[in-house]
Protein backbone atom coordinates (compact mmCIF):
# COMPACT_ATOMS: atom_id res chain seq x y z
CA UNK A 1 0.19 -0.01 0.05
CA UNK A 2 1.21 3.49 -1.01
CA UNK A 3 0.93 6.21 1.58
CA UNK A 4 -0.03 9.67 0.99
CA UNK A 5 2.39 12.83 0.61
CA UNK A 6 2.14 15.42 2.97
CA UNK A 7 3.03 18.87 1.07
CA UNK A 8 1.26 21.38 3.10
CA UNK A 9 0.84 22.15 7.46
CA UNK A 10 -3.26 21.76 6.66
CA UNK A 11 -2.61 18.03 5.12
CA UNK A 12 -0.47 16.85 8.20
CA UNK A 13 -4.05 16.36 10.07
CA UNK A 14 -6.26 16.48 7.32
CA UNK A 15 -9.80 15.63 8.52
CA UNK A 16 -10.77 14.24 11.28
CA UNK A 17 -7.16 12.82 11.69
CA UNK A 18 -6.34 12.91 15.76
CA UNK A 19 -3.26 15.10 16.74
CA UNK A 20 -3.05 12.86 19.76
CA UNK A 21 -1.28 10.12 17.38
CA UNK A 22 2.23 9.83 17.38
CA UNK A 23 4.01 12.00 14.62
CA UNK A 24 7.61 11.40 13.94
CA UNK A 25 9.48 14.51 12.65
CA UNK A 26 13.28 14.63 11.01
CA UNK A 27 15.02 16.89 13.78
CA UNK A 28 18.33 18.74 12.66
CA UNK A 29 18.14 21.26 15.57
CA UNK A 30 17.77 24.24 12.89
CA UNK A 31 15.69 26.34 12.30
CA UNK A 32 13.37 25.13 10.00
CA UNK A 33 13.15 21.59 11.73
CA UNK A 34 12.47 23.68 15.28
CA UNK A 35 9.67 25.63 13.68
CA UNK A 36 8.18 22.57 12.46
CA UNK A 37 7.93 21.16 16.26
CA UNK A 38 7.00 24.33 17.51
CA UNK A 39 3.95 24.54 15.01
CA UNK A 40 2.39 21.06 15.49
CA UNK A 41 2.67 21.65 19.66
CA UNK A 42 0.58 24.78 18.74
CA UNK A 43 -1.50 22.48 16.48
CA UNK A 44 -2.35 20.43 19.02
CA UNK A 45 0.03 17.03 18.87
CA UNK A 46 0.61 15.96 21.71
CA UNK A 47 2.99 13.01 21.24
CA UNK A 48 5.46 14.17 19.23
CA UNK A 49 8.54 12.45 18.33
CA UNK A 50 11.77 14.25 17.40
CA UNK A 51 14.44 12.05 15.82
CA UNK A 52 17.81 12.85 14.80
CA UNK A 53 20.24 10.43 12.98
CA UNK A 54 23.74 10.97 14.40
CA UNK A 55 26.23 9.95 11.29
CA UNK A 56 29.54 11.29 12.48
CA UNK A 57 29.29 15.02 12.02
CA UNK A 58 30.58 15.29 15.47
CA UNK A 59 28.24 18.07 16.79
CA UNK A 60 26.71 17.51 20.49
CA UNK A 61 23.15 16.82 20.96
CA UNK A 62 22.92 18.79 24.00
CA UNK A 63 21.07 22.14 22.77
CA UNK A 64 18.50 19.87 20.62
CA UNK A 65 17.59 18.48 23.50
CA UNK A 66 17.33 21.72 25.08
CA UNK A 67 15.19 22.50 22.51
CA UNK A 68 12.50 19.49 22.60
CA UNK A 69 12.28 19.77 26.29
CA UNK A 70 11.16 23.79 26.12
CA UNK A 71 8.57 22.42 23.24
CA UNK A 72 7.69 19.47 25.13
CA UNK A 73 8.24 16.76 22.53
CA UNK A 74 10.71 13.73 22.74
CA UNK A 75 14.41 13.65 21.48
CA UNK A 76 15.11 10.24 19.98
CA UNK A 77 19.09 9.88 18.74
CA UNK A 78 19.87 7.11 16.23
CA UNK A 79 23.26 6.28 16.10
CA UNK A 80 23.61 5.14 12.26
CA UNK A 81 27.32 5.79 11.68
CA UNK A 82 28.47 2.40 10.87
CA UNK A 83 25.77 1.67 9.06
CA UNK A 84 26.07 4.82 7.07
CA UNK A 85 29.82 4.15 6.47
CA UNK A 86 29.23 0.07 5.59
CA UNK A 87 26.39 0.60 3.34
CA UNK A 88 26.78 4.01 1.95
CA UNK A 89 29.72 5.46 1.38
CA UNK A 90 31.37 2.10 1.28
CA UNK A 91 29.69 1.59 -2.23
CA UNK A 92 29.84 5.34 -3.12
CA UNK A 93 33.40 4.94 -3.27
CA UNK A 94 33.66 2.19 -5.43
CA UNK A 95 31.38 3.70 -7.76
CA UNK A 96 32.92 6.90 -7.87
CA UNK A 97 30.03 9.04 -6.88
CA UNK A 98 30.71 12.12 -8.11
CA UNK A 99 28.21 14.46 -9.59
CA UNK A 100 28.72 15.55 -13.24
CA UNK A 101 32.45 15.60 -12.45
CA UNK A 102 32.07 18.35 -9.96
CA UNK A 103 31.53 17.01 -6.39
CA UNK A 104 31.11 14.02 -4.39
CA UNK A 105 27.40 13.55 -3.22
CA UNK A 106 26.72 13.59 0.05
CA UNK A 107 22.82 14.08 0.91
CA UNK A 108 22.12 11.74 -1.45
CA UNK A 109 23.68 8.74 0.40
CA UNK A 110 22.52 10.44 4.04
CA UNK A 111 19.12 10.74 3.15
CA UNK A 112 18.02 7.01 2.47
CA UNK A 113 19.61 6.04 5.85
CA UNK A 114 17.85 8.32 7.65
CA UNK A 115 14.42 7.96 6.21
CA UNK A 116 14.76 4.36 6.97
CA UNK A 117 15.93 4.68 10.38
CA UNK A 118 12.87 7.03 11.15
CA UNK A 119 10.50 5.02 9.73
CA UNK A 120 11.64 2.09 12.03
CA UNK A 121 11.17 4.24 14.74
CA UNK A 122 7.42 5.29 13.50
CA UNK A 123 7.09 1.44 13.47
CA UNK A 124 8.09 0.71 17.00
CA UNK A 125 5.79 3.72 18.09
CA UNK A 126 2.90 3.15 15.86
CA UNK A 127 3.11 6.53 13.83
CA UNK A 128 1.44 6.73 10.61
CA UNK A 129 2.97 9.98 9.45
CA UNK A 130 6.86 10.82 9.42
CA UNK A 131 7.27 14.55 8.59
CA UNK A 132 10.34 16.23 7.42
CA UNK A 133 11.29 20.16 6.44
CA UNK A 134 12.83 19.89 3.12
CA UNK A 135 11.38 22.90 0.78
CA UNK A 136 11.08 23.03 -3.44
CA UNK A 137 14.41 24.47 -3.19
CA UNK A 138 16.07 21.63 -1.73
CA UNK A 139 16.80 18.25 -3.46
CA UNK A 140 15.81 16.45 0.10
CA UNK A 141 12.72 16.85 -0.99
CA UNK A 142 13.00 14.27 -3.51
CA UNK A 143 15.52 12.10 -1.91
CA UNK A 144 13.57 11.64 1.34
CA UNK A 145 9.72 10.85 -0.14
CA UNK A 146 11.84 9.03 -2.69
CA UNK A 147 12.95 7.28 0.03
CA UNK A 148 9.78 6.13 2.00
CA UNK A 149 7.96 5.62 -0.88
CA UNK A 150 10.59 2.57 -2.24
CA UNK A 151 10.25 1.69 1.31
CA UNK A 152 6.53 1.09 1.42
CA UNK A 153 5.38 3.40 3.97
CA UNK A 154 2.15 2.70 4.24
CA UNK A 155 0.89 6.25 6.80
CA UNK A 156 1.53 10.08 5.75
CA UNK A 157 4.67 11.36 4.81
CA UNK A 158 6.17 14.52 3.45
CA UNK A 159 7.26 18.23 4.07
CA UNK A 160 4.73 20.81 4.87
CA UNK A 161 7.33 23.42 3.59
CA UNK A 162 6.75 21.79 0.04
CA UNK A 163 3.32 23.75 -0.21
CA UNK A 164 3.56 26.30 2.41
CA UNK A 165 6.72 27.99 2.25
CA UNK A 166 7.46 30.09 5.68
CA UNK A 167 9.66 33.34 5.50
CA UNK A 168 12.56 33.29 7.72
CA UNK A 169 11.59 36.55 9.82
CA UNK A 170 8.13 34.51 10.59
CA UNK A 171 9.88 31.63 12.15
CA UNK A 172 12.47 33.52 14.29
CA UNK A 173 9.57 35.68 15.55
CA UNK A 174 7.00 32.90 16.35
CA UNK A 175 10.32 30.93 17.76
CA UNK A 176 11.14 34.01 20.53
CA UNK A 177 7.75 33.95 21.82
CA UNK A 178 8.47 30.59 23.07
CA UNK A 179 12.20 31.52 24.22
CA UNK A 180 13.69 30.16 21.53
CA UNK A 181 15.25 33.36 19.93
CA UNK A 182 18.99 31.89 19.51
CA UNK A 183 17.51 29.84 16.06
CA UNK A 184 17.80 33.10 14.28
CA UNK A 185 21.11 33.76 14.52
CA UNK A 186 22.30 31.05 11.68
CA UNK A 187 22.42 32.81 8.42
CA UNK A 188 23.52 29.50 6.20
CA UNK A 189 21.77 26.32 5.95
CA UNK A 190 24.53 23.47 7.14
CA UNK A 191 24.08 19.67 6.58
CA UNK A 192 27.01 17.81 8.24
CA UNK A 193 28.16 14.24 8.66
CA UNK A 194 31.63 12.02 8.55
CA UNK A 195 31.70 12.16 4.76
CA UNK A 196 30.84 15.75 4.32
CA UNK A 197 30.12 19.26 5.35
CA UNK A 198 28.01 21.40 3.43
CA UNK A 199 26.56 24.38 2.98
CA UNK A 200 23.95 26.44 1.23
CA UNK A 201 21.25 29.03 1.17
CA UNK A 202 22.01 32.28 2.32
CA UNK A 203 24.54 34.71 1.55
CA UNK A 204 25.43 31.16 -0.89
CA UNK A 205 22.78 31.91 -2.76
CA UNK A 206 23.48 33.33 -5.59
CA UNK A 207 26.33 31.82 -8.16
CA UNK A 208 27.33 35.11 -9.65
CA UNK A 209 28.27 36.81 -6.39
CA UNK A 210 29.01 34.96 -3.40
CA UNK A 211 32.41 34.66 -1.05
CA UNK A 212 33.00 31.70 1.55
CA UNK A 213 34.12 33.21 4.72
CA UNK A 214 37.15 30.87 5.74
CA UNK A 215 36.15 30.52 9.74
CA UNK A 216 32.99 28.13 7.39
CA UNK A 217 35.29 25.01 6.90
CA UNK A 218 37.21 23.05 9.85
CA UNK A 219 38.61 20.24 8.29
CA UNK A 220 40.50 22.35 5.24
CA UNK A 221 41.74 24.68 6.42
CA UNK A 222 45.35 25.53 4.99
CA UNK A 223 48.21 24.42 8.37
CA UNK A 224 50.74 26.63 10.19
CA UNK A 225 53.26 24.94 8.04
CA UNK A 226 53.77 23.53 4.20
CA UNK A 227 55.55 20.43 5.47
CA UNK A 228 55.14 17.42 2.76
CA UNK A 229 53.04 14.57 4.25
CA UNK A 230 53.76 11.45 2.83
CA UNK A 231 50.48 9.41 2.90
CA UNK A 232 49.67 5.48 2.25
CA UNK A 233 46.05 4.35 1.45
CA UNK A 234 45.53 0.46 1.49
CA UNK A 235 42.69 -1.24 -0.01
CA UNK A 236 41.27 -4.62 0.39
CA UNK A 237 38.53 -5.70 -2.11
CA UNK A 238 37.31 -2.28 -2.92
CA UNK A 239 37.66 -1.01 0.73
CA UNK A 240 40.00 1.21 2.41
CA UNK A 241 41.65 -0.90 5.43
CA UNK A 242 44.87 1.08 6.12
CA UNK A 243 46.75 4.33 6.76
CA UNK A 244 50.47 4.73 6.25
CA UNK A 245 50.05 0.11 7.12
CA UNK A 246 48.02 0.67 10.08
CA UNK A 247 44.34 -1.58 9.46
CA UNK A 248 41.87 1.22 10.18
CA UNK A 249 38.06 0.47 10.15
CA UNK A 250 36.35 2.63 7.29
CA UNK A 251 34.76 5.43 9.41
CA UNK A 252 37.85 5.25 11.66
CA UNK A 253 39.81 5.60 8.79
CA UNK A 254 37.56 8.77 7.27
CA UNK A 255 37.74 10.46 10.54
CA UNK A 256 41.21 10.70 10.30
CA UNK A 257 41.93 11.75 6.74
CA UNK A 258 39.33 14.96 6.63
CA UNK A 259 41.66 16.61 8.96
CA UNK A 260 44.92 15.32 8.02
CA UNK A 261 44.19 15.75 3.88
CA UNK A 262 42.18 19.06 4.82
CA UNK A 263 45.75 20.80 6.79
CA UNK A 264 46.81 20.88 3.37
CA UNK A 265 44.25 22.95 2.24
CA UNK A 266 42.64 19.97 -0.14
CA UNK A 267 39.00 18.81 -0.71
CA UNK A 268 37.20 21.96 -1.26
CA UNK A 269 34.08 22.24 -3.28
CA UNK A 270 31.62 24.40 -5.54
CA UNK A 271 29.22 23.67 -7.86
CA UNK A 272 25.83 23.55 -9.38
CA UNK A 273 23.01 20.95 -8.54
CA UNK A 274 19.52 20.79 -10.59
CA UNK A 275 16.33 20.56 -8.54
CA UNK A 276 13.64 18.47 -9.68
CA UNK A 277 12.01 21.32 -11.52
CA UNK A 278 15.47 21.41 -13.95
CA UNK A 279 16.98 24.79 -11.91
CA UNK A 280 19.87 24.80 -10.37
CA UNK A 281 21.60 25.96 -7.00
CA UNK A 282 25.18 26.49 -5.60
CA UNK A 283 26.14 23.89 -2.99
CA UNK A 284 29.64 24.41 -1.33
CA UNK A 285 31.21 21.39 0.15
CA UNK A 286 34.32 20.37 2.19
CA UNK A 287 35.01 16.50 1.68
CA UNK A 288 39.33 15.96 1.97
CA UNK A 289 38.72 12.11 2.64
CA UNK A 290 36.48 11.75 0.09
CA UNK A 291 38.87 13.94 -1.93
CA UNK A 292 41.64 11.65 -1.33
CA UNK A 293 39.90 8.26 -1.12
CA UNK A 294 38.37 8.47 -4.65
CA UNK A 295 41.55 9.99 -6.37
CA UNK A 296 43.01 6.66 -4.55
CA UNK A 297 40.65 3.98 -5.61
CA UNK A 298 40.33 5.52 -9.78
CA UNK A 299 44.28 5.11 -9.62
CA UNK A 300 44.33 1.41 -7.96
CA UNK A 301 41.20 0.62 -10.10
CA UNK A 302 43.00 1.41 -13.46
CA UNK A 303 45.70 -0.41 -12.19
CA UNK A 304 43.83 -4.01 -11.51
CA UNK A 305 40.62 -3.55 -14.50
CA UNK A 306 40.82 -4.20 -18.20
CA UNK A 307 39.81 -0.50 -20.00
CA UNK A 308 37.22 -1.84 -21.68
CA UNK A 309 35.77 -2.74 -18.21
CA UNK A 310 36.44 0.78 -16.74
CA UNK A 311 34.60 2.18 -19.17
CA UNK A 312 31.70 0.58 -19.16
CA UNK A 313 31.60 0.62 -15.01
CA UNK A 314 32.35 4.94 -15.89
CA UNK A 315 28.77 4.45 -17.39
CA UNK A 316 27.21 2.66 -14.99
CA UNK A 317 28.40 5.14 -12.14
CA UNK A 318 26.92 8.18 -13.62
CA UNK A 319 23.53 6.10 -13.83
CA UNK A 320 24.19 4.95 -9.96
CA UNK A 321 24.69 8.77 -9.28
CA UNK A 322 21.94 9.65 -10.78
CA UNK A 323 19.69 7.16 -8.98
CA UNK A 324 20.82 7.91 -5.38
CA UNK A 325 20.71 11.88 -6.31
CA UNK A 326 16.92 11.29 -7.68
CA UNK A 327 16.02 9.96 -4.40
CA UNK A 328 15.81 6.14 -5.68
CA UNK A 329 18.55 4.39 -3.62
CA UNK A 330 16.26 1.65 -2.98
CA UNK A 331 15.22 1.55 -6.13
CA UNK A 332 16.12 -1.76 -8.94
CA UNK A 333 18.14 0.50 -11.45
CA UNK A 334 20.79 1.47 -8.76
CA UNK A 335 20.63 -2.06 -7.15
CA UNK A 336 21.63 -3.74 -10.45
CA UNK A 337 24.15 -0.98 -10.92
CA UNK A 338 25.89 -1.62 -7.78
CA UNK A 339 26.14 -5.98 -8.17
CA UNK A 340 28.60 -4.81 -11.12
CA UNK A 341 30.16 -2.22 -9.68
CA UNK A 342 30.65 -4.76 -6.48
CA UNK A 343 32.15 -7.52 -8.99
CA UNK A 344 34.47 -4.95 -10.45
CA UNK A 345 35.75 -4.10 -6.52
CA UNK A 346 36.52 -7.30 -6.21
CA UNK A 347 39.43 -6.80 -7.69
CA UNK A 348 40.88 -3.56 -5.89
CA UNK A 349 43.47 -4.47 -3.71
CA UNK A 350 46.52 -3.21 -3.48
CA UNK A 351 48.28 0.44 -1.82
CA UNK A 352 48.15 3.88 -3.38
CA UNK A 353 50.86 6.62 -2.25
CA UNK A 354 50.81 9.91 -1.87
CA UNK A 355 53.12 13.59 -1.81
CA UNK A 356 50.46 16.13 -0.05
CA UNK A 357 51.88 19.66 -0.13
CA UNK A 358 49.78 23.17 0.47
CA UNK A 359 47.07 22.91 -2.01
CA UNK A 360 48.66 20.03 -3.92
CA UNK A 361 48.99 16.36 -4.15
CA UNK A 362 51.14 14.34 -6.16
CA UNK A 363 50.68 10.57 -6.34
CA UNK A 364 54.19 8.58 -5.92
CA UNK A 365 52.87 4.82 -5.99
CA UNK A 366 50.34 2.29 -7.04
CA UNK A 367 50.98 -1.26 -5.77
CA UNK A 368 48.13 -3.57 -7.17
CA UNK A 369 48.28 -7.17 -5.43
CA UNK A 370 46.91 -8.79 -8.95
CA UNK A 371 48.53 -5.85 -11.41
CA UNK A 372 47.96 -5.04 -15.63
CA UNK A 373 50.81 -2.98 -15.80
CA UNK A 374 54.30 -3.10 -16.72
CA UNK A 375 57.18 -2.60 -14.25
CA UNK A 376 60.46 -3.10 -16.58
CA UNK A 377 58.89 -2.62 -20.65
CA UNK A 378 62.05 -3.74 -22.06
CA UNK A 379 62.30 -6.83 -20.16
CA UNK A 380 58.46 -7.32 -21.43
CA UNK A 381 59.11 -6.38 -25.23
CA UNK A 382 61.81 -9.02 -25.47
CA UNK A 383 59.94 -11.75 -23.89
CA UNK A 384 56.90 -10.34 -25.91
CA UNK A 385 58.85 -10.81 -29.15
CA UNK A 386 60.77 -14.07 -28.14
CA UNK A 387 57.20 -15.68 -27.43
CA UNK A 388 55.78 -14.54 -30.83
CA UNK A 389 58.81 -15.87 -32.50
CA UNK A 390 58.86 -19.37 -30.49
CA UNK A 391 54.92 -19.46 -31.62
CA UNK A 392 55.56 -18.74 -35.43
CA UNK A 393 58.24 -21.63 -35.49
């Protein structure tokens, strides 16, 4: 049974719907999600559950708890870090998940997991409504709605901001009235997880005229010295497994690489991404670990896979990215492309060595377990000629 999509505030409790029934909302602690909680309470909702999914952003949830307490709703913090890394980031590395050669994707990976975990909580609570706060200028709208649809949630889901946009001043004013005046301090919209820190809107709205303040970045600020950093990334079966020969779980590995690679000013992205309507919006990212891991993977992949296979894989990579981007992570086409990509990934074992400096990186070596490359061309030529002559005789 297909659920019904909520697109307005009046659609949250349609007809004779009982506001005393449990409602699950996705809660980031930002202005939009806080305003939604306040609006729900004002509409008479008495069993509101705000859910935050921990994805390694490294932020405290204390402020979120204070907001929940102030509004009289229950906060649920769900740890999704391991699942995010294993089931979403790992496949994205193997798929070289980069949007139109401009920036690695991020929210396309986190949104389907957030939807899945929120749906699980809704089932536990017996909630038939799951709300989020994406508006039609945010790609999150179709990614969350698409995930809820493909996961088969039979209740009501969606964002009331879709058809009922509320201006920033009104949100700030109404939240100030309930003692949450500090919610008006944020000037851009941000989204953070272990894989990416992303910014948009506010003073970053106009692609023709914007400047990113240096203090907005955390991972990719150039360090005090320009010392060169030699770095080795090890892969096994397509998965990054070590740094400088030290085995590390993937989440720990990414967390360690973000400040290390970023200290050389690497891993910043600015790019346009299309909305469902076709118009495009500016998004700013810092993703130092992703920057290095994706490049390392491609180098090692080229050392072990035949060129024809890589060409076909590159075509499927953009198909994979498109399906994730459009909110069809749980669709059959993305999963089918994943099967081919995983088959290729099984061969990607070895190490890649880098030299990092201020604003630049150079690869020193690629060492594959089952390489297709030559290490001595002259010896190979002699052996090849000799083999051909012997075959003729």
